[in-house]
Amino acid sequence: MKTVAVIGAGIAGITSAYYLARAGYQVSVYDKEHYPAMQCSYANGGQISVSNSQTWNTWSNVIKGLKWLGRKDAPLLIRPNLDWDKAKWLAKFLKHTAAND
């Protein structure tokens, strides 16, 4: 049996591993994170929102996101915690939002 190593457990890596396994390969998936898709848009899992054609980095969406904080049924869920990577990502997001003005 042929063996294949897939580097990255995001959407592309897991999908590739799945189809390779179905084709008869012995597949090993390697990722630096503990669980699959943890760096895939920060675990959004490659979500496709066909009803949302609005650009995310606008101030109106930032305000919506702030209103949704703490709501369990929020369409955009951001769990506030002390996570340095999340803080850096949010800072970059706001920087690019400001640059789009």
Protein backbone atom coordinates (compact mmCIF):
# COMPACT_ATOMS: atom_id res chain seq x y z
CA MET A 1 0.00 0.00 0.00
CA LYS A 2 1.29 3.46 -0.90
CA THR A 3 1.67 5.92 1.96
CA VAL A 4 1.16 9.68 1.86
CA ALA A 5 1.87 12.40 4.42
CA VAL A 6 -0.44 15.42 4.35
CA ILE A 7 0.92 18.52 6.04
CA GLY A 8 -1.85 20.66 7.48
CA ALA A 9 -5.20 19.66 8.94
CA GLY A 10 -7.20 22.53 7.50
CA ILE A 11 -9.96 22.20 4.93
CA ALA A 12 -7.60 21.45 2.03
CA GLY A 13 -5.47 19.00 4.04
CA ILE A 14 -8.36 17.03 5.52
CA THR A 15 -10.21 16.93 2.20
CA SER A 16 -7.07 15.74 0.41
CA ALA A 17 -6.45 13.10 3.07
CA TYR A 18 -10.03 11.87 2.78
CA TYR A 19 -9.92 11.42 -0.98
CA LEU A 20 -6.44 9.87 -0.88
CA ALA A 21 -7.65 7.35 1.73
CA ARG A 22 -10.69 6.57 -0.44
CA ALA A 23 -8.30 5.98 -3.35
CA GLY A 24 -6.47 3.34 -1.32
CA TYR A 25 -3.54 5.29 0.13
CA GLN A 26 -2.44 4.99 3.74
CA VAL A 27 -2.61 8.62 4.90
CA SER A 28 -1.00 10.37 7.85
CA VAL A 29 -2.04 13.97 8.57
CA TYR A 30 0.36 16.27 10.43
CA ASP A 31 -0.48 19.65 11.88
CA LYS A 32 1.13 21.86 14.51
CA GLU A 33 -2.22 22.31 16.27
CA HIS A 34 -3.80 19.76 18.60
CA TYR A 35 -7.08 19.51 16.63
CA PRO A 36 -7.95 19.80 12.92
CA ALA A 37 -8.95 23.18 11.47
CA MET A 38 -7.68 25.20 14.43
CA GLN A 39 -5.88 27.68 12.15
CA CYS A 40 -8.48 27.51 9.41
CA SER A 41 -9.90 31.03 9.76
CA TYR A 42 -9.47 30.44 13.46
CA ALA A 43 -11.56 27.25 13.47
CA ASN A 44 -14.40 28.54 11.31
CA GLY A 45 -13.95 25.43 9.20
CA GLY A 46 -14.09 27.16 5.84
CA GLN A 47 -17.62 28.39 6.35
CA ILE A 48 -19.45 29.48 3.22
CA SER A 49 -22.13 32.08 3.92
CA VAL A 50 -23.98 32.44 0.66
CA SER A 51 -26.42 34.89 2.20
CA ASN A 52 -23.65 37.22 3.37
CA SER A 53 -22.17 39.17 0.49
CA GLN A 54 -20.99 42.05 2.67
CA THR A 55 -17.29 42.74 3.23
CA TRP A 56 -16.38 41.79 6.80
CA ASN A 57 -13.89 44.55 7.58
CA THR A 58 -16.27 47.49 7.69
CA TRP A 59 -17.08 49.59 10.73
CA SER A 60 -20.75 48.63 10.53
CA ASN A 61 -19.75 44.98 10.88
CA VAL A 62 -17.36 45.78 13.74
CA ILE A 63 -20.27 47.46 15.57
CA LYS A 64 -22.52 44.45 14.84
CA GLY A 65 -19.80 42.15 16.19
CA LEU A 66 -19.53 44.17 19.40
CA LYS A 67 -23.30 43.96 19.86
CA TRP A 68 -23.15 40.19 19.39
CA LEU A 69 -20.49 39.63 22.07
CA GLY A 70 -21.88 37.39 24.77
CA ARG A 71 -24.88 36.21 22.74
CA LYS A 72 -25.01 32.44 22.41
CA ASP A 73 -26.98 32.72 19.16
CA ALA A 74 -24.65 35.28 17.56
CA PRO A 75 -24.04 34.73 13.84
CA LEU A 76 -20.41 35.71 14.47
CA LEU A 77 -19.05 34.18 17.63
CA ILE A 78 -15.95 35.65 19.22
CA ARG A 79 -15.18 34.28 22.65
CA PRO A 80 -13.36 37.00 24.60
CA ASN A 81 -10.38 35.53 26.44
CA LEU A 82 -6.70 36.17 27.07
CA ASP A 83 -5.35 34.70 23.84
CA TRP A 84 -2.35 36.54 22.38
CA ASP A 85 -2.89 35.16 18.85
CA LYS A 86 -6.54 36.21 18.87
CA ALA A 87 -5.63 39.68 20.15
CA LYS A 88 -3.05 40.10 17.35
CA TRP A 89 -5.57 38.91 14.76
CA LEU A 90 -8.24 41.34 16.05
CA ALA A 91 -5.72 44.20 16.05
CA LYS A 92 -4.77 43.46 12.42
CA PHE A 93 -8.45 43.19 11.49
CA LEU A 94 -9.17 46.63 12.99
CA LYS A 95 -6.05 48.08 11.34
CA HIS A 96 -7.23 46.88 7.92
CA THR A 97 -10.75 48.10 8.67
CA ALA A 98 -9.37 51.57 9.43
CA ALA A 99 -7.29 51.47 6.23
CA ASN A 100 -10.44 50.84 4.18
CA ASP A 101 -12.07 54.12 5.29
